[in-house]
Amino acid sequence: MANAERQMPGHVAAAYRDAVDNIVFLKRQQWLATNYVLLLYVAIFVISAHYFSRTDVARNWLGVITIAAFVVHWWMMHLFQPAFPG
């Protein structure tokens, strides 16, 4: 009874390590997508400050890009989120 701990079998350890690596990868992808869309929002804000009183076409395109960025980001988060519980 000196060694009461049982060692984890090799195939279980490999499956566990693979699962952890997958969660870490998905979390990294989630943050990467969030950082890129935030950078895009900042760029849209700066561009809109420059072109705010210029033309309606520029403002319309910036609105379309903002909405498209939100939809793509929401879709990416929707894809990543069910892959892991927390």
PDB file of N, CA and C in Angstrom:
ATOM      1  N   MET A   1       0.810  -1.187   0.000  1.00  0.00           N
ATOM      2  CA  MET A   1       0.000   0.000   0.000  1.00  0.00           C
ATOM      3  C   MET A   1       0.862   1.265   0.000  1.00  0.00           C
ATOM      4  N   ALA A   2       2.128   1.135  -0.251  1.00  0.00           N
ATOM      5  CA  ALA A   2       2.995   2.303  -0.240  1.00  0.00           C
ATOM      6  C   ALA A   2       2.645   3.246  -1.383  1.00  0.00           C
ATOM      7  N   ASN A   3       2.351   2.686  -2.541  1.00  0.00           N
ATOM      8  CA  ASN A   3       2.009   3.505  -3.696  1.00  0.00           C
ATOM      9  C   ASN A   3       0.501   3.358  -3.957  1.00  0.00           C
ATOM     10  N   ALA A   4      -0.299   4.162  -3.237  1.00  0.00           N
ATOM     11  CA  ALA A   4      -1.753   4.047  -3.330  1.00  0.00           C
ATOM     12  C   ALA A   4      -2.286   4.666  -4.618  1.00  0.00           C
ATOM     13  N   GLU A   5      -1.539   5.573  -5.214  1.00  0.00           N
ATOM     14  CA  GLU A   5      -1.999   6.202  -6.449  1.00  0.00           C
ATOM     15  C   GLU A   5      -1.811   5.243  -7.610  1.00  0.00           C
ATOM     16  N   ARG A   6      -2.836   5.190  -8.446  1.00  0.00           N
ATOM     17  CA  ARG A   6      -2.726   4.373  -9.658  1.00  0.00           C
ATOM     18  C   ARG A   6      -2.274   5.279 -10.797  1.00  0.00           C
ATOM     19  N   GLN A   7      -1.409   4.775 -11.607  1.00  0.00           N
ATOM     20  CA  GLN A   7      -0.931   5.539 -12.753  1.00  0.00           C
ATOM     21  C   GLN A   7      -1.970   5.504 -13.871  1.00  0.00           C
ATOM     22  N   MET A   8      -2.072   6.617 -14.563  1.00  0.00           N
ATOM     23  CA  MET A   8      -2.990   6.703 -15.680  1.00  0.00           C
ATOM     24  C   MET A   8      -2.404   5.948 -16.868  1.00  0.00           C
ATOM     25  N   PRO A   9      -3.202   5.107 -17.514  1.00  0.00           N
ATOM     26  CA  PRO A   9      -2.691   4.394 -18.694  1.00  0.00           C
ATOM     27  C   PRO A   9      -2.263   5.386 -19.781  1.00  0.00           C
ATOM     28  N   GLY A  10      -1.350   4.965 -20.616  1.00  0.00           N
ATOM     29  CA  GLY A  10      -0.799   5.835 -21.659  1.00  0.00           C
ATOM     30  C   GLY A  10      -1.838   6.354 -22.631  1.00  0.00           C
ATOM     31  N   HIS A  11      -2.771   5.489 -23.045  1.00  0.00           N
ATOM     32  CA  HIS A  11      -3.774   5.944 -24.017  1.00  0.00           C
ATOM     33  C   HIS A  11      -4.748   6.938 -23.392  1.00  0.00           C
ATOM     34  N   VAL A  12      -5.020   6.814 -22.102  1.00  0.00           N
ATOM     35  CA  VAL A  12      -5.895   7.779 -21.418  1.00  0.00           C
ATOM     36  C   VAL A  12      -5.169   9.115 -21.269  1.00  0.00           C
ATOM     37  N   ALA A  13      -3.897   9.068 -20.927  1.00  0.00           N
ATOM     38  CA  ALA A  13      -3.104  10.296 -20.799  1.00  0.00           C
ATOM     39  C   ALA A  13      -3.010  11.016 -22.144  1.00  0.00           C
ATOM     40  N   ALA A  14      -2.836  10.266 -23.220  1.00  0.00           N
ATOM     41  CA  ALA A  14      -2.764  10.885 -24.550  1.00  0.00           C
ATOM     42  C   ALA A  14      -4.101  11.512 -24.934  1.00  0.00           C
ATOM     43  N   ALA A  15      -5.205  10.841 -24.632  1.00  0.00           N
ATOM     44  CA  ALA A  15      -6.527  11.401 -24.935  1.00  0.00           C
ATOM     45  C   ALA A  15      -6.781  12.652 -24.106  1.00  0.00           C
ATOM     46  N   TYR A  16      -6.395  12.627 -22.850  1.00  0.00           N
ATOM     47  CA  TYR A  16      -6.559  13.793 -21.979  1.00  0.00           C
ATOM     48  C   TYR A  16      -5.726  14.965 -22.484  1.00  0.00           C
ATOM     49  N   ARG A  17      -4.480  14.701 -22.844  1.00  0.00           N
ATOM     50  CA  ARG A  17      -3.593  15.746 -23.358  1.00  0.00           C
ATOM     51  C   ARG A  17      -4.144  16.329 -24.661  1.00  0.00           C
ATOM     52  N   ASP A  18      -4.696  15.473 -25.523  1.00  0.00           N
ATOM     53  CA  ASP A  18      -5.292  15.941 -26.769  1.00  0.00           C
ATOM     54  C   ASP A  18      -6.513  16.822 -26.501  1.00  0.00           C
ATOM     55  N   ALA A  19      -7.330  16.439 -25.550  1.00  0.00           N
ATOM     56  CA  ALA A  19      -8.515  17.230 -25.208  1.00  0.00           C
ATOM     57  C   ALA A  19      -8.122  18.596 -24.652  1.00  0.00           C
ATOM     58  N   VAL A  20      -7.119  18.617 -23.785  1.00  0.00           N
ATOM     59  CA  VAL A  20      -6.650  19.883 -23.215  1.00  0.00           C
ATOM     60  C   VAL A  20      -6.060  20.773 -24.299  1.00  0.00           C
ATOM     61  N   ASP A  21      -5.267  20.194 -25.183  1.00  0.00           N
ATOM     62  CA  ASP A  21      -4.688  20.973 -26.286  1.00  0.00           C
ATOM     63  C   ASP A  21      -5.781  21.548 -27.185  1.00  0.00           C
ATOM     64  N   ASN A  22      -6.832  20.788 -27.424  1.00  0.00           N
ATOM     65  CA  ASN A  22      -7.937  21.245 -28.251  1.00  0.00           C
ATOM     66  C   ASN A  22      -8.657  22.419 -27.594  1.00  0.00           C
ATOM     67  N   ILE A  23      -8.895  22.344 -26.294  1.00  0.00           N
ATOM     68  CA  ILE A  23      -9.556  23.444 -25.584  1.00  0.00           C
ATOM     69  C   ILE A  23      -8.692  24.690 -25.597  1.00  0.00           C
ATOM     70  N   VAL A  24      -7.400  24.531 -25.368  1.00  0.00           N
ATOM     71  CA  VAL A  24      -6.494  25.683 -25.390  1.00  0.00           C
ATOM     72  C   VAL A  24      -6.478  26.316 -26.780  1.00  0.00           C
ATOM     73  N   PHE A  25      -6.447  25.497 -27.827  1.00  0.00           N
ATOM     74  CA  PHE A  25      -6.461  26.016 -29.194  1.00  0.00           C
ATOM     75  C   PHE A  25      -7.753  26.786 -29.476  1.00  0.00           C
ATOM     76  N   LEU A  26      -8.893  26.238 -29.081  1.00  0.00           N
ATOM     77  CA  LEU A  26     -10.163  26.909 -29.334  1.00  0.00           C
ATOM     78  C   LEU A  26     -10.278  28.212 -28.551  1.00  0.00           C
ATOM     79  N   LYS A  27      -9.796  28.229 -27.321  1.00  0.00           N
ATOM     80  CA  LYS A  27      -9.802  29.475 -26.540  1.00  0.00           C
ATOM     81  C   LYS A  27      -8.915  30.524 -27.216  1.00  0.00           C
ATOM     82  N   ARG A  28      -7.763  30.103 -27.713  1.00  0.00           N
ATOM     83  CA  ARG A  28      -6.862  31.035 -28.396  1.00  0.00           C
ATOM     84  C   ARG A  28      -7.528  31.589 -29.659  1.00  0.00           C
ATOM     85  N   GLN A  29      -8.219  30.730 -30.402  1.00  0.00           N
ATOM     86  CA  GLN A  29      -8.916  31.173 -31.610  1.00  0.00           C
ATOM     87  C   GLN A  29     -10.044  32.144 -31.261  1.00  0.00           C
ATOM     88  N   GLN A  30     -10.725  31.885 -30.152  1.00  0.00           N
ATOM     89  CA  GLN A  30     -11.795  32.775 -29.720  1.00  0.00           C
ATOM     90  C   GLN A  30     -11.251  34.173 -29.427  1.00  0.00           C
ATOM     91  N   TRP A  31     -10.150  34.240 -28.687  1.00  0.00           N
ATOM     92  CA  TRP A  31      -9.562  35.532 -28.373  1.00  0.00           C
ATOM     93  C   TRP A  31      -8.994  36.208 -29.616  1.00  0.00           C
ATOM     94  N   LEU A  32      -8.446  35.433 -30.519  1.00  0.00           N
ATOM     95  CA  LEU A  32      -7.908  35.995 -31.753  1.00  0.00           C
ATOM     96  C   LEU A  32      -9.030  36.635 -32.579  1.00  0.00           C
ATOM     97  N   ALA A  33     -10.136  35.935 -32.720  1.00  0.00           N
ATOM     98  CA  ALA A  33     -11.279  36.481 -33.468  1.00  0.00           C
ATOM     99  C   ALA A  33     -11.809  37.734 -32.793  1.00  0.00           C
ATOM    100  N   THR A  34     -11.887  37.721 -31.472  1.00  0.00           N
ATOM    101  CA  THR A  34     -12.373  38.890 -30.744  1.00  0.00           C
ATOM    102  C   THR A  34     -11.428  40.070 -30.909  1.00  0.00           C
ATOM    103  N   ASN A  35     -10.133  39.832 -30.822  1.00  0.00           N
ATOM    104  CA  ASN A  35      -9.166  40.924 -30.979  1.00  0.00           C
ATOM    105  C   ASN A  35      -9.218  41.518 -32.385  1.00  0.00           C
ATOM    106  N   TYR A  36      -9.363  40.667 -33.394  1.00  0.00           N
ATOM    107  CA  TYR A  36      -9.433  41.184 -34.761  1.00  0.00           C
ATOM    108  C   TYR A  36     -10.686  42.010 -34.987  1.00  0.00           C
ATOM    109  N   VAL A  37     -11.818  41.571 -34.469  1.00  0.00           N
ATOM    110  CA  VAL A  37     -13.034  42.349 -34.688  1.00  0.00           C
ATOM    111  C   VAL A  37     -12.981  43.653 -33.894  1.00  0.00           C
ATOM    112  N   LEU A  38     -12.360  43.648 -32.708  1.00  0.00           N
ATOM    113  CA  LEU A  38     -12.199  44.905 -31.972  1.00  0.00           C
ATOM    114  C   LEU A  38     -11.278  45.863 -32.719  1.00  0.00           C
ATOM    115  N   LEU A  39     -10.232  45.341 -33.315  1.00  0.00           N
ATOM    116  CA  LEU A  39      -9.345  46.171 -34.135  1.00  0.00           C
ATOM    117  C   LEU A  39     -10.102  46.746 -35.331  1.00  0.00           C
ATOM    118  N   LEU A  40     -10.954  45.938 -35.933  1.00  0.00           N
ATOM    119  CA  LEU A  40     -11.765  46.418 -37.051  1.00  0.00           C
ATOM    120  C   LEU A  40     -12.736  47.505 -36.596  1.00  0.00           C
ATOM    121  N   TYR A  41     -13.337  47.348 -35.418  1.00  0.00           N
ATOM    122  CA  TYR A  41     -14.239  48.378 -34.890  1.00  0.00           C
ATOM    123  C   TYR A  41     -13.497  49.689 -34.635  1.00  0.00           C
ATOM    124  N   VAL A  42     -12.276  49.601 -34.128  1.00  0.00           N
ATOM    125  CA  VAL A  42     -11.482  50.811 -33.907  1.00  0.00           C
ATOM    126  C   VAL A  42     -11.174  51.485 -35.238  1.00  0.00           C
ATOM    127  N   ALA A  43     -10.799  50.689 -36.241  1.00  0.00           N
ATOM    128  CA  ALA A  43     -10.522  51.262 -37.564  1.00  0.00           C
ATOM    129  C   ALA A  43     -11.769  51.919 -38.139  1.00  0.00           C
ATOM    130  N   ILE A  44     -12.915  51.292 -37.977  1.00  0.00           N
ATOM    131  CA  ILE A  44     -14.164  51.878 -38.471  1.00  0.00           C
ATOM    132  C   ILE A  44     -14.464  53.180 -37.733  1.00  0.00           C
ATOM    133  N   PHE A  45     -14.223  53.202 -36.432  1.00  0.00           N
ATOM    134  CA  PHE A  45     -14.453  54.419 -35.657  1.00  0.00           C
ATOM    135  C   PHE A  45     -13.549  55.553 -36.131  1.00  0.00           C
ATOM    136  N   VAL A  46     -12.272  55.246 -36.353  1.00  0.00           N
ATOM    137  CA  VAL A  46     -11.332  56.278 -36.805  1.00  0.00           C
ATOM    138  C   VAL A  46     -11.699  56.762 -38.204  1.00  0.00           C
ATOM    139  N   ILE A  47     -12.033  55.843 -39.085  1.00  0.00           N
ATOM    140  CA  ILE A  47     -12.415  56.236 -40.450  1.00  0.00           C
ATOM    141  C   ILE A  47     -13.704  57.045 -40.431  1.00  0.00           C
ATOM    142  N   SER A  48     -14.669  56.638 -39.612  1.00  0.00           N
ATOM    143  CA  SER A  48     -15.931  57.374 -39.572  1.00  0.00           C
ATOM    144  C   SER A  48     -15.733  58.773 -39.009  1.00  0.00           C
ATOM    145  N   ALA A  49     -14.776  58.954 -38.088  1.00  0.00           N
ATOM    146  CA  ALA A  49     -14.489  60.286 -37.573  1.00  0.00           C
ATOM    147  C   ALA A  49     -13.920  61.172 -38.679  1.00  0.00           C
ATOM    148  N   HIS A  50     -13.178  60.576 -39.584  1.00  0.00           N
ATOM    149  CA  HIS A  50     -12.588  61.345 -40.684  1.00  0.00           C
ATOM    150  C   HIS A  50     -13.611  61.650 -41.772  1.00  0.00           C
ATOM    151  N   TYR A  51     -14.486  60.702 -42.074  1.00  0.00           N
ATOM    152  CA  TYR A  51     -15.437  60.864 -43.169  1.00  0.00           C
ATOM    153  C   TYR A  51     -16.864  61.154 -42.692  1.00  0.00           C
ATOM    154  N   PHE A  52     -17.042  61.517 -41.430  1.00  0.00           N
ATOM    155  CA  PHE A  52     -18.401  61.633 -40.893  1.00  0.00           C
ATOM    156  C   PHE A  52     -19.249  62.627 -41.668  1.00  0.00           C
ATOM    157  N   SER A  53     -18.697  63.747 -42.039  1.00  0.00           N
ATOM    158  CA  SER A  53     -19.502  64.751 -42.737  1.00  0.00           C
ATOM    159  C   SER A  53     -19.259  64.761 -44.242  1.00  0.00           C
ATOM    160  N   ARG A  54     -18.577  63.763 -44.747  1.00  0.00           N
ATOM    161  CA  ARG A  54     -18.236  63.756 -46.177  1.00  0.00           C
ATOM    162  C   ARG A  54     -19.393  63.271 -47.030  1.00  0.00           C
ATOM    163  N   THR A  55     -19.531  61.982 -47.173  1.00  0.00           N
ATOM    164  CA  THR A  55     -20.537  61.452 -48.090  1.00  0.00           C
ATOM    165  C   THR A  55     -21.383  60.398 -47.400  1.00  0.00           C
ATOM    166  N   ASP A  56     -22.591  60.247 -47.894  1.00  0.00           N
ATOM    167  CA  ASP A  56     -23.466  59.211 -47.363  1.00  0.00           C
ATOM    168  C   ASP A  56     -22.980  57.822 -47.765  1.00  0.00           C
ATOM    169  N   VAL A  57     -22.336  57.721 -48.926  1.00  0.00           N
ATOM    170  CA  VAL A  57     -21.855  56.430 -49.393  1.00  0.00           C
ATOM    171  C   VAL A  57     -20.802  55.872 -48.429  1.00  0.00           C
ATOM    172  N   ALA A  58     -19.880  56.715 -47.990  1.00  0.00           N
ATOM    173  CA  ALA A  58     -18.838  56.268 -47.060  1.00  0.00           C
ATOM    174  C   ALA A  58     -19.459  55.814 -45.747  1.00  0.00           C
ATOM    175  N   ARG A  59     -20.420  56.576 -45.238  1.00  0.00           N
ATOM    176  CA  ARG A  59     -21.071  56.187 -43.987  1.00  0.00           C
ATOM    177  C   ARG A  59     -21.861  54.897 -44.161  1.00  0.00           C
ATOM    178  N   ASN A  60     -22.513  54.730 -45.305  1.00  0.00           N
ATOM    179  CA  ASN A  60     -23.255  53.498 -45.552  1.00  0.00           C
ATOM    180  C   ASN A  60     -22.329  52.289 -45.611  1.00  0.00           C
ATOM    181  N   TRP A  61     -21.199  52.426 -46.294  1.00  0.00           N
ATOM    182  CA  TRP A  61     -20.250  51.314 -46.366  1.00  0.00           C
ATOM    183  C   TRP A  61     -19.686  50.969 -44.990  1.00  0.00           C
ATOM    184  N   LEU A  62     -19.392  51.997 -44.197  1.00  0.00           N
ATOM    185  CA  LEU A  62     -18.887  51.727 -42.848  1.00  0.00           C
ATOM    186  C   LEU A  62     -19.944  51.018 -42.000  1.00  0.00           C
ATOM    187  N   GLY A  63     -21.199  51.384 -42.178  1.00  0.00           N
ATOM    188  CA  GLY A  63     -22.278  50.694 -41.470  1.00  0.00           C
ATOM    189  C   GLY A  63     -22.394  49.239 -41.902  1.00  0.00           C
ATOM    190  N   VAL A  64     -22.294  48.994 -43.199  1.00  0.00           N
ATOM    191  CA  VAL A  64     -22.368  47.626 -43.718  1.00  0.00           C
ATOM    192  C   VAL A  64     -21.189  46.800 -43.208  1.00  0.00           C
ATOM    193  N   ILE A  65     -19.988  47.373 -43.203  1.00  0.00           N
ATOM    194  CA  ILE A  65     -18.800  46.663 -42.713  1.00  0.00           C
ATOM    195  C   ILE A  65     -18.943  46.359 -41.223  1.00  0.00           C
ATOM    196  N   THR A  66     -19.475  47.300 -40.456  1.00  0.00           N
ATOM    197  CA  THR A  66     -19.669  47.080 -39.020  1.00  0.00           C
ATOM    198  C   THR A  66     -20.645  45.943 -38.772  1.00  0.00           C
ATOM    199  N   ILE A  67     -21.757  45.943 -39.467  1.00  0.00           N
ATOM    200  CA  ILE A  67     -22.755  44.887 -39.299  1.00  0.00           C
ATOM    201  C   ILE A  67     -22.193  43.543 -39.749  1.00  0.00           C
ATOM    202  N   ALA A  68     -21.477  43.532 -40.856  1.00  0.00           N
ATOM    203  CA  ALA A  68     -20.881  42.280 -41.343  1.00  0.00           C
ATOM    204  C   ALA A  68     -19.843  41.752 -40.350  1.00  0.00           C
ATOM    205  N   ALA A  69     -19.034  42.638 -39.778  1.00  0.00           N
ATOM    206  CA  ALA A  69     -18.040  42.207 -38.791  1.00  0.00           C
ATOM    207  C   ALA A  69     -18.721  41.616 -37.561  1.00  0.00           C
ATOM    208  N   PHE A  70     -19.803  42.233 -37.126  1.00  0.00           N
ATOM    209  CA  PHE A  70     -20.534  41.692 -35.976  1.00  0.00           C
ATOM    210  C   PHE A  70     -21.100  40.311 -36.283  1.00  0.00           C
ATOM    211  N   VAL A  71     -21.694  40.152 -37.463  1.00  0.00           N
ATOM    212  CA  VAL A  71     -22.300  38.864 -37.825  1.00  0.00           C
ATOM    213  C   VAL A  71     -21.231  37.777 -37.939  1.00  0.00           C
ATOM    214  N   VAL A  72     -20.121  38.077 -38.577  1.00  0.00           N
ATOM    215  CA  VAL A  72     -19.048  37.086 -38.718  1.00  0.00           C
ATOM    216  C   VAL A  72     -18.474  36.732 -37.352  1.00  0.00           C
ATOM    217  N   HIS A  73     -18.267  37.718 -36.492  1.00  0.00           N
ATOM    218  CA  HIS A  73     -17.739  37.445 -35.160  1.00  0.00           C
ATOM    219  C   HIS A  73     -18.724  36.609 -34.353  1.00  0.00           C
ATOM    220  N   TRP A  74     -19.996  36.939 -34.407  1.00  0.00           N
ATOM    221  CA  TRP A  74     -21.007  36.151 -33.692  1.00  0.00           C
ATOM    222  C   TRP A  74     -21.012  34.711 -34.199  1.00  0.00           C
ATOM    223  N   TRP A  75     -20.895  34.541 -35.510  1.00  0.00           N
ATOM    224  CA  TRP A  75     -20.899  33.202 -36.091  1.00  0.00           C
ATOM    225  C   TRP A  75     -19.683  32.402 -35.627  1.00  0.00           C
ATOM    226  N   MET A  76     -18.511  33.049 -35.600  1.00  0.00           N
ATOM    227  CA  MET A  76     -17.304  32.368 -35.141  1.00  0.00           C
ATOM    228  C   MET A  76     -17.419  31.957 -33.676  1.00  0.00           C
ATOM    229  N   MET A  77     -17.942  32.843 -32.838  1.00  0.00           N
ATOM    230  CA  MET A  77     -18.120  32.506 -31.431  1.00  0.00           C
ATOM    231  C   MET A  77     -19.153  31.390 -31.273  1.00  0.00           C
ATOM    232  N   HIS A  78     -20.167  31.410 -32.100  1.00  0.00           N
ATOM    233  CA  HIS A  78     -21.184  30.359 -32.067  1.00  0.00           C
ATOM    234  C   HIS A  78     -20.581  29.006 -32.463  1.00  0.00           C
ATOM    235  N   LEU A  79     -19.628  29.017 -33.380  1.00  0.00           N
ATOM    236  CA  LEU A  79     -18.953  27.773 -33.764  1.00  0.00           C
ATOM    237  C   LEU A  79     -18.026  27.263 -32.670  1.00  0.00           C
ATOM    238  N   PHE A  80     -17.291  28.180 -32.018  1.00  0.00           N
ATOM    239  CA  PHE A  80     -16.306  27.783 -31.021  1.00  0.00           C
ATOM    240  C   PHE A  80     -16.941  27.408 -29.694  1.00  0.00           C
ATOM    241  N   GLN A  81     -17.998  28.079 -29.295  1.00  0.00           N
ATOM    242  CA  GLN A  81     -18.531  27.927 -27.947  1.00  0.00           C
ATOM    243  C   GLN A  81     -19.045  26.518 -27.637  1.00  0.00           C
ATOM    244  N   PRO A  82     -19.793  25.849 -28.519  1.00  0.00           N
ATOM    245  CA  PRO A  82     -20.265  24.511 -28.154  1.00  0.00           C
ATOM    246  C   PRO A  82     -19.146  23.468 -28.052  1.00  0.00           C
ATOM    247  N   ALA A  83     -17.962  23.794 -28.510  1.00  0.00           N
ATOM    248  CA  ALA A  83     -16.868  22.829 -28.523  1.00  0.00           C
ATOM    249  C   ALA A  83     -16.358  22.535 -27.108  1.00  0.00           C
ATOM    250  N   PHE A  84     -16.574  23.453 -26.185  1.00  0.00           N
ATOM    251  CA  PHE A  84     -16.131  23.235 -24.818  1.00  0.00           C
ATOM    252  C   PHE A  84     -17.062  23.973 -23.866  1.00  0.00           C
ATOM    253  N   PRO A  85     -17.224  23.447 -22.669  1.00  0.00           N
ATOM    254  CA  PRO A  85     -18.214  24.003 -21.744  1.00  0.00           C
ATOM    255  C   PRO A  85     -17.811  25.315 -21.088  1.00  0.00           C
ATOM    256  N   GLY A  86     -16.553  25.612 -20.912  1.00  0.00           N
ATOM    257  CA  GLY A  86     -16.246  26.807 -20.143  1.00  0.00           C
ATOM    258  C   GLY A  86     -15.141  27.596 -20.614  1.00  0.00           C
TER     259      GLY A  86
END
